[in-house]
Amino acid sequence: MWRSLKRNRGKIIGGLGGLAMALLLIFAWPLVLIFILVLLGISLGGIFDAARKVGVFLDRLFSYKKPPKDD
């Protein structure tokens, strides 16, 4: 029996890990959903910050300054 457990240790650990994830999703899905949405918000915020920095750089690079008026 111990030889069988040693030989299939990865399968046993994977099965128990899958069972734990399934139980977590079944009983604690609101917490998992909140965690996923928070991570999604952080990643989208980082993308928007990077896009804003690129936009500011392009605005500075291609800004048109009016020549001064001669009276």
PDB file of N, CA and C in Angstrom:
ATOM      1  N   MET A   1       0.825  -1.199   0.000  1.00  0.00           N
ATOM      2  CA  MET A   1       0.000   0.000   0.000  1.00  0.00           C
ATOM      3  C   MET A   1       0.867   1.259   0.000  1.00  0.00           C
ATOM      4  N   TRP A   2       1.922   1.302   0.839  1.00  0.00           N
ATOM      5  CA  TRP A   2       2.769   2.484   0.898  1.00  0.00           C
ATOM      6  C   TRP A   2       3.491   2.702  -0.425  1.00  0.00           C
ATOM      7  N   ARG A   3       3.845   1.589  -1.091  1.00  0.00           N
ATOM      8  CA  ARG A   3       4.523   1.692  -2.378  1.00  0.00           C
ATOM      9  C   ARG A   3       3.591   2.334  -3.405  1.00  0.00           C
ATOM     10  N   SER A   4       2.322   1.955  -3.363  1.00  0.00           N
ATOM     11  CA  SER A   4       1.328   2.528  -4.276  1.00  0.00           C
ATOM     12  C   SER A   4       1.138   4.019  -3.997  1.00  0.00           C
ATOM     13  N   LEU A   5       1.113   4.385  -2.725  1.00  0.00           N
ATOM     14  CA  LEU A   5       0.967   5.804  -2.375  1.00  0.00           C
ATOM     15  C   LEU A   5       2.187   6.607  -2.819  1.00  0.00           C
ATOM     16  N   LYS A   6       3.386   6.036  -2.647  1.00  0.00           N
ATOM     17  CA  LYS A   6       4.596   6.734  -3.080  1.00  0.00           C
ATOM     18  C   LYS A   6       4.631   6.898  -4.589  1.00  0.00           C
ATOM     19  N   ARG A   7       4.201   5.870  -5.292  1.00  0.00           N
ATOM     20  CA  ARG A   7       4.256   5.891  -6.740  1.00  0.00           C
ATOM     21  C   ARG A   7       3.249   6.880  -7.326  1.00  0.00           C
ATOM     22  N   ASN A   8       2.146   7.096  -6.669  1.00  0.00           N
ATOM     23  CA  ASN A   8       1.083   7.967  -7.177  1.00  0.00           C
ATOM     24  C   ASN A   8       0.909   9.220  -6.332  1.00  0.00           C
ATOM     25  N   ARG A   9       1.991   9.689  -5.730  1.00  0.00           N
ATOM     26  CA  ARG A   9       1.906  10.843  -4.826  1.00  0.00           C
ATOM     27  C   ARG A   9       1.410  12.094  -5.546  1.00  0.00           C
ATOM     28  N   GLY A  10       1.873  12.330  -6.772  1.00  0.00           N
ATOM     29  CA  GLY A  10       1.435  13.515  -7.515  1.00  0.00           C
ATOM     30  C   GLY A  10      -0.049  13.487  -7.824  1.00  0.00           C
ATOM     31  N   LYS A  11      -0.551  12.303  -8.171  1.00  0.00           N
ATOM     32  CA  LYS A  11      -1.984  12.176  -8.455  1.00  0.00           C
ATOM     33  C   LYS A  11      -2.812  12.410  -7.199  1.00  0.00           C
ATOM     34  N   ILE A  12      -2.324  11.907  -6.089  1.00  0.00           N
ATOM     35  CA  ILE A  12      -3.060  12.074  -4.826  1.00  0.00           C
ATOM     36  C   ILE A  12      -3.063  13.534  -4.410  1.00  0.00           C
ATOM     37  N   ILE A  13      -1.913  14.179  -4.488  1.00  0.00           N
ATOM     38  CA  ILE A  13      -1.833  15.599  -4.118  1.00  0.00           C
ATOM     39  C   ILE A  13      -2.675  16.444  -5.064  1.00  0.00           C
ATOM     40  N   GLY A  14      -2.627  16.138  -6.363  1.00  0.00           N
ATOM     41  CA  GLY A  14      -3.448  16.868  -7.332  1.00  0.00           C
ATOM     42  C   GLY A  14      -4.928  16.675  -7.094  1.00  0.00           C
ATOM     43  N   GLY A  15      -5.316  15.444  -6.772  1.00  0.00           N
ATOM     44  CA  GLY A  15      -6.732  15.182  -6.492  1.00  0.00           C
ATOM     45  C   GLY A  15      -7.215  15.905  -5.249  1.00  0.00           C
ATOM     46  N   LEU A  16      -6.396  15.899  -4.207  1.00  0.00           N
ATOM     47  CA  LEU A  16      -6.778  16.618  -2.981  1.00  0.00           C
ATOM     48  C   LEU A  16      -6.793  18.125  -3.208  1.00  0.00           C
ATOM     49  N   GLY A  17      -5.857  18.623  -4.006  1.00  0.00           N
ATOM     50  CA  GLY A  17      -5.861  20.045  -4.326  1.00  0.00           C
ATOM     51  C   GLY A  17      -7.096  20.433  -5.127  1.00  0.00           C
ATOM     52  N   GLY A  18      -7.471  19.580  -6.083  1.00  0.00           N
ATOM     53  CA  GLY A  18      -8.692  19.827  -6.851  1.00  0.00           C
ATOM     54  C   GLY A  18      -9.935  19.782  -5.987  1.00  0.00           C
ATOM     55  N   LEU A  19      -9.957  18.836  -5.053  1.00  0.00           N
ATOM     56  CA  LEU A  19     -11.090  18.760  -4.128  1.00  0.00           C
ATOM     57  C   LEU A  19     -11.172  20.012  -3.268  1.00  0.00           C
ATOM     58  N   ALA A  20     -10.029  20.483  -2.793  1.00  0.00           N
ATOM     59  CA  ALA A  20     -10.012  21.699  -1.976  1.00  0.00           C
ATOM     60  C   ALA A  20     -10.498  22.901  -2.784  1.00  0.00           C
ATOM     61  N   MET A  21     -10.048  23.009  -4.034  1.00  0.00           N
ATOM     62  CA  MET A  21     -10.497  24.123  -4.878  1.00  0.00           C
ATOM     63  C   MET A  21     -12.002  24.023  -5.154  1.00  0.00           C
ATOM     64  N   ALA A  22     -12.496  22.804  -5.403  1.00  0.00           N
ATOM     65  CA  ALA A  22     -13.924  22.620  -5.653  1.00  0.00           C
ATOM     66  C   ALA A  22     -14.743  23.012  -4.425  1.00  0.00           C
ATOM     67  N   LEU A  23     -14.300  22.576  -3.246  1.00  0.00           N
ATOM     68  CA  LEU A  23     -15.016  22.950  -2.019  1.00  0.00           C
ATOM     69  C   LEU A  23     -14.957  24.452  -1.775  1.00  0.00           C
ATOM     70  N   LEU A  24     -13.812  25.050  -2.087  1.00  0.00           N
ATOM     71  CA  LEU A  24     -13.687  26.499  -1.934  1.00  0.00           C
ATOM     72  C   LEU A  24     -14.651  27.218  -2.864  1.00  0.00           C
ATOM     73  N   LEU A  25     -14.742  26.760  -4.099  1.00  0.00           N
ATOM     74  CA  LEU A  25     -15.650  27.403  -5.049  1.00  0.00           C
ATOM     75  C   LEU A  25     -17.114  27.171  -4.688  1.00  0.00           C
ATOM     76  N   ILE A  26     -17.422  26.006  -4.129  1.00  0.00           N
ATOM     77  CA  ILE A  26     -18.819  25.719  -3.778  1.00  0.00           C
ATOM     78  C   ILE A  26     -19.265  26.516  -2.558  1.00  0.00           C
ATOM     79  N   PHE A  27     -18.442  26.536  -1.519  1.00  0.00           N
ATOM     80  CA  PHE A  27     -18.869  27.140  -0.259  1.00  0.00           C
ATOM     81  C   PHE A  27     -18.422  28.586  -0.071  1.00  0.00           C
ATOM     82  N   ALA A  28     -17.357  28.976  -0.711  1.00  0.00           N
ATOM     83  CA  ALA A  28     -16.837  30.333  -0.497  1.00  0.00           C
ATOM     84  C   ALA A  28     -16.751  31.098  -1.811  1.00  0.00           C
ATOM     85  N   TRP A  29     -17.666  30.840  -2.744  1.00  0.00           N
ATOM     86  CA  TRP A  29     -17.567  31.487  -4.037  1.00  0.00           C
ATOM     87  C   TRP A  29     -17.687  33.005  -3.979  1.00  0.00           C
ATOM     88  N   PRO A  30     -18.460  33.596  -3.059  1.00  0.00           N
ATOM     89  CA  PRO A  30     -18.471  35.068  -3.024  1.00  0.00           C
ATOM     90  C   PRO A  30     -17.092  35.657  -2.698  1.00  0.00           C
ATOM     91  N   LEU A  31     -16.362  35.007  -1.798  1.00  0.00           N
ATOM     92  CA  LEU A  31     -15.021  35.495  -1.471  1.00  0.00           C
ATOM     93  C   LEU A  31     -14.081  35.344  -2.651  1.00  0.00           C
ATOM     94  N   VAL A  32     -14.197  34.220  -3.350  1.00  0.00           N
ATOM     95  CA  VAL A  32     -13.357  33.992  -4.529  1.00  0.00           C
ATOM     96  C   VAL A  32     -13.699  35.026  -5.606  1.00  0.00           C
ATOM     97  N   LEU A  33     -14.988  35.287  -5.790  1.00  0.00           N
ATOM     98  CA  LEU A  33     -15.413  36.279  -6.783  1.00  0.00           C
ATOM     99  C   LEU A  33     -14.888  37.672  -6.421  1.00  0.00           C
ATOM    100  N   ILE A  34     -14.965  38.041  -5.168  1.00  0.00           N
ATOM    101  CA  ILE A  34     -14.452  39.337  -4.729  1.00  0.00           C
ATOM    102  C   ILE A  34     -12.956  39.414  -4.972  1.00  0.00           C
ATOM    103  N   PHE A  35     -12.233  38.361  -4.650  1.00  0.00           N
ATOM    104  CA  PHE A  35     -10.787  38.331  -4.851  1.00  0.00           C
ATOM    105  C   PHE A  35     -10.441  38.481  -6.331  1.00  0.00           C
ATOM    106  N   ILE A  36     -11.155  37.758  -7.193  1.00  0.00           N
ATOM    107  CA  ILE A  36     -10.898  37.845  -8.635  1.00  0.00           C
ATOM    108  C   ILE A  36     -11.218  39.240  -9.158  1.00  0.00           C
ATOM    109  N   LEU A  37     -12.317  39.822  -8.706  1.00  0.00           N
ATOM    110  CA  LEU A  37     -12.692  41.160  -9.174  1.00  0.00           C
ATOM    111  C   LEU A  37     -11.716  42.229  -8.686  1.00  0.00           C
ATOM    112  N   VAL A  38     -11.200  42.086  -7.480  1.00  0.00           N
ATOM    113  CA  VAL A  38     -10.199  43.028  -6.979  1.00  0.00           C
ATOM    114  C   VAL A  38      -8.931  42.933  -7.825  1.00  0.00           C
ATOM    115  N   LEU A  39      -8.488  41.725  -8.119  1.00  0.00           N
ATOM    116  CA  LEU A  39      -7.305  41.558  -8.976  1.00  0.00           C
ATOM    117  C   LEU A  39      -7.545  42.117 -10.374  1.00  0.00           C
ATOM    118  N   LEU A  40      -8.745  41.923 -10.903  1.00  0.00           N
ATOM    119  CA  LEU A  40      -9.088  42.471 -12.213  1.00  0.00           C
ATOM    120  C   LEU A  40      -9.060  43.995 -12.182  1.00  0.00           C
ATOM    121  N   GLY A  41      -9.599  44.587 -11.128  1.00  0.00           N
ATOM    122  CA  GLY A  41      -9.587  46.044 -11.002  1.00  0.00           C
ATOM    123  C   GLY A  41      -8.183  46.602 -10.895  1.00  0.00           C
ATOM    124  N   ILE A  42      -7.318  45.917 -10.148  1.00  0.00           N
ATOM    125  CA  ILE A  42      -5.936  46.370 -10.022  1.00  0.00           C
ATOM    126  C   ILE A  42      -5.227  46.306 -11.369  1.00  0.00           C
ATOM    127  N   SER A  43      -5.440  45.218 -12.101  1.00  0.00           N
ATOM    128  CA  SER A  43      -4.764  45.089 -13.394  1.00  0.00           C
ATOM    129  C   SER A  43      -5.301  46.102 -14.402  1.00  0.00           C
ATOM    130  N   LEU A  44      -6.608  46.326 -14.422  1.00  0.00           N
ATOM    131  CA  LEU A  44      -7.165  47.329 -15.333  1.00  0.00           C
ATOM    132  C   LEU A  44      -6.707  48.735 -14.958  1.00  0.00           C
ATOM    133  N   GLY A  45      -6.607  49.014 -13.676  1.00  0.00           N
ATOM    134  CA  GLY A  45      -6.099  50.316 -13.241  1.00  0.00           C
ATOM    135  C   GLY A  45      -4.668  50.533 -13.699  1.00  0.00           C
ATOM    136  N   GLY A  46      -3.856  49.494 -13.624  1.00  0.00           N
ATOM    137  CA  GLY A  46      -2.478  49.600 -14.105  1.00  0.00           C
ATOM    138  C   GLY A  46      -2.419  49.854 -15.600  1.00  0.00           C
ATOM    139  N   ILE A  47      -3.308  49.202 -16.354  1.00  0.00           N
ATOM    140  CA  ILE A  47      -3.349  49.415 -17.799  1.00  0.00           C
ATOM    141  C   ILE A  47      -3.774  50.849 -18.105  1.00  0.00           C
ATOM    142  N   PHE A  48      -4.786  51.350 -17.402  1.00  0.00           N
ATOM    143  CA  PHE A  48      -5.249  52.713 -17.642  1.00  0.00           C
ATOM    144  C   PHE A  48      -4.193  53.739 -17.252  1.00  0.00           C
ATOM    145  N   ASP A  49      -3.454  53.490 -16.162  1.00  0.00           N
ATOM    146  CA  ASP A  49      -2.376  54.391 -15.770  1.00  0.00           C
ATOM    147  C   ASP A  49      -1.288  54.435 -16.842  1.00  0.00           C
ATOM    148  N   ALA A  50      -0.934  53.275 -17.368  1.00  0.00           N
ATOM    149  CA  ALA A  50       0.083  53.219 -18.414  1.00  0.00           C
ATOM    150  C   ALA A  50      -0.401  53.944 -19.668  1.00  0.00           C
ATOM    151  N   ALA A  51      -1.675  53.770 -20.015  1.00  0.00           N
ATOM    152  CA  ALA A  51      -2.218  54.434 -21.193  1.00  0.00           C
ATOM    153  C   ALA A  51      -2.238  55.956 -20.994  1.00  0.00           C
ATOM    154  N   ARG A  52      -2.543  56.398 -19.782  1.00  0.00           N
ATOM    155  CA  ARG A  52      -2.559  57.828 -19.509  1.00  0.00           C
ATOM    156  C   ARG A  52      -1.157  58.419 -19.616  1.00  0.00           C
ATOM    157  N   LYS A  53      -0.161  57.678 -19.119  1.00  0.00           N
ATOM    158  CA  LYS A  53       1.225  58.157 -19.213  1.00  0.00           C
ATOM    159  C   LYS A  53       1.658  58.267 -20.663  1.00  0.00           C
ATOM    160  N   VAL A  54       1.241  57.309 -21.497  1.00  0.00           N
ATOM    161  CA  VAL A  54       1.574  57.370 -22.925  1.00  0.00           C
ATOM    162  C   VAL A  54       0.879  58.564 -23.559  1.00  0.00           C
ATOM    163  N   GLY A  55      -0.388  58.795 -23.188  1.00  0.00           N
ATOM    164  CA  GLY A  55      -1.131  59.930 -23.738  1.00  0.00           C
ATOM    165  C   GLY A  55      -0.505  61.261 -23.354  1.00  0.00           C
ATOM    166  N   VAL A  56      -0.066  61.401 -22.113  1.00  0.00           N
ATOM    167  CA  VAL A  56       0.584  62.639 -21.671  1.00  0.00           C
ATOM    168  C   VAL A  56       1.897  62.834 -22.423  1.00  0.00           C
ATOM    169  N   PHE A  57       2.655  61.761 -22.609  1.00  0.00           N
ATOM    170  CA  PHE A  57       3.913  61.852 -23.341  1.00  0.00           C
ATOM    171  C   PHE A  57       3.667  62.282 -24.786  1.00  0.00           C
ATOM    172  N   LEU A  58       2.661  61.684 -25.434  1.00  0.00           N
ATOM    173  CA  LEU A  58       2.369  62.062 -26.817  1.00  0.00           C
ATOM    174  C   LEU A  58       1.868  63.494 -26.909  1.00  0.00           C
ATOM    175  N   ASP A  59       1.081  63.934 -25.931  1.00  0.00           N
ATOM    176  CA  ASP A  59       0.624  65.322 -25.930  1.00  0.00           C
ATOM    177  C   ASP A  59       1.798  66.286 -25.801  1.00  0.00           C
ATOM    178  N   ARG A  60       2.764  65.964 -24.944  1.00  0.00           N
ATOM    179  CA  ARG A  60       3.947  66.824 -24.807  1.00  0.00           C
ATOM    180  C   ARG A  60       4.794  66.797 -26.063  1.00  0.00           C
ATOM    181  N   LEU A  61       4.889  65.634 -26.671  1.00  0.00           N
ATOM    182  CA  LEU A  61       5.738  65.470 -27.840  1.00  0.00           C
ATOM    183  C   LEU A  61       5.176  66.215 -29.044  1.00  0.00           C
ATOM    184  N   PHE A  62       3.873  66.157 -29.240  1.00  0.00           N
ATOM    185  CA  PHE A  62       3.257  66.756 -30.418  1.00  0.00           C
ATOM    186  C   PHE A  62       2.417  67.982 -30.086  1.00  0.00           C
ATOM    187  N   SER A  63       2.749  68.697 -29.030  1.00  0.00           N
ATOM    188  CA  SER A  63       1.968  69.878 -28.671  1.00  0.00           C
ATOM    189  C   SER A  63       2.289  71.001 -29.645  1.00  0.00           C
ATOM    190  N   TYR A  64       1.269  71.742 -29.987  1.00  0.00           N
ATOM    191  CA  TYR A  64       1.409  72.865 -30.921  1.00  0.00           C
ATOM    192  C   TYR A  64       1.369  74.134 -30.101  1.00  0.00           C
ATOM    193  N   LYS A  65       2.437  74.887 -30.169  1.00  0.00           N
ATOM    194  CA  LYS A  65       2.485  76.161 -29.464  1.00  0.00           C
ATOM    195  C   LYS A  65       2.290  77.277 -30.478  1.00  0.00           C
ATOM    196  N   LYS A  66       1.346  78.163 -30.168  1.00  0.00           N
ATOM    197  CA  LYS A  66       1.085  79.280 -31.076  1.00  0.00           C
ATOM    198  C   LYS A  66       2.233  80.270 -31.015  1.00  0.00           C
ATOM    199  N   PRO A  67       2.616  80.793 -32.150  1.00  0.00           N
ATOM    200  CA  PRO A  67       3.673  81.816 -32.121  1.00  0.00           C
ATOM    201  C   PRO A  67       3.141  83.090 -31.477  1.00  0.00           C
ATOM    202  N   PRO A  68       4.023  83.859 -30.825  1.00  0.00           N
ATOM    203  CA  PRO A  68       3.562  85.103 -30.205  1.00  0.00           C
ATOM    204  C   PRO A  68       3.111  86.100 -31.265  1.00  0.00           C
ATOM    205  N   LYS A  69       2.066  86.870 -30.892  1.00  0.00           N
ATOM    206  CA  LYS A  69       1.539  87.890 -31.837  1.00  0.00           C
ATOM    207  C   LYS A  69       2.428  89.130 -31.840  1.00  0.00           C
ATOM    208  N   ASP A  70       2.680  89.641 -33.010  1.00  0.00           N
ATOM    209  CA  ASP A  70       3.418  90.899 -33.119  1.00  0.00           C
ATOM    210  C   ASP A  70       2.413  92.026 -33.305  1.00  0.00           C
ATOM    211  N   ASP A  71       2.440  93.015 -32.433  1.00  0.00           N
ATOM    212  CA  ASP A  71       1.500  94.147 -32.534  1.00  0.00           C
ATOM    213  C   ASP A  71       2.148  95.326 -33.173  1.00  0.00           C
TER     214      ASP A  71
END
